[in-house]
Amino acid sequence: AGAAGGAVERLDGVTRERFLRDIYPRRKPVVLTGLELGTCTTKWTIDYLSQAEGSKEVKIHVSAVPQMDFLSKNFVYRTLPFDSFVQRAAEIKHKEYFLTEDEKYYLRSVGEDVRKDIADIRKQFPTLAEDVHIPEYFEKEQFFSSVFRISSAGLQLWTHYDVMDNFLIQVTGRKRVVLYSPRDAPYLYLSGTKSEVLDVDNPDMEKYPLFVKAKRYECVLEAGDVLFIPALWFHNVISEEFGVALNVFWKHLPAESYDKTDTYGNKDPMAASRAIQILDRALKTLEELPEEYRDFYARRMVLRIQEKAYRNDYG
């Protein structure tokens, strides 16, 4: 489904210097293998995870179906002690459950106060943080958040983009990731930062006819792999096994470009939000004209946007 974009390139043992010189400026996803990630890759068994952080409460997503949809909110939020959550997320059939015996679980760590604090594994999971060596391929002051994630086998997360660059560090388990370039946004049926097309493997072509034009890139992440996802690249993540991952987001625009109230790293940059508000006002103003005039001037506005703001050097 979707036009073939091909496999995401895999590169072994890339140094910080090489990453910054050769890979980062290309703004394309790449899987980095053979990086030094600390003891987490061998140590983080289900038993160890359960013991390491004990019974502190965590808020989790629980879904009766494998494809989680953030737009229709087909999941519920529940709270469990961390140790029992890990045990339950690792099972396929549950003796104890909230919705169904084969429900899926997903933890995306958040700050203590979701509205004010960002996710930082060092604060929320200090014991586990000691086992992780995050590849420092960016400056310390660019660091934004480190998001600890645990997924049930089979869970699929909705297609979305983030406004910051990030490393998806797959610590244990396997994930399949499908990605789309920011250029293909017109074919992804967006609602905010999220795509309405949930099933990227078998999309409803009657409902989403343009989706076939979106160029699809794909990779499988094994334990120990790190996927670089540049800002604005869309990604859809399928956990093929129970797995633990860590995302590290960093700011590659000047710090003041970002919305201060953004604790997730997915609010559009301030200038983009302002531009969209101005555009909405312009469209409201066009409504004062009869339809044929509105159509004509809207097309002229589109042409002007293309002339002034579109890049013409996409490869």
Foldseek 3Di string as FASTA:
>chain_A
DAAAPEAAAEDEPDALVCCVPPPVVVQDKHKYFHDCWFQLLPQDDLVNQLPQQDFDKAKKWKAPDQQQDPVVRRTDIDIGGRSVVSVQLQDQAQPDDDPHRRIKIKGKDADPDNQAAAAACCPPRVRSVVRTDDRPSDDPVQWQYKIKMWIHAFHKYFKFFFQFKKKKAWAAAKKKKKKFALVCVVQQCDDQGTGPQRPLPDGDCVVRVSRNHTHIYMDMDHHRMIMINHGSMIMMMHGNHTTIIMMITGHPPPPQQCDNRDRPRHDHGPVVVVVVVVVVVVLVVLVVDPDVSSVVVVVVVVVVCCVPPNDDPDD
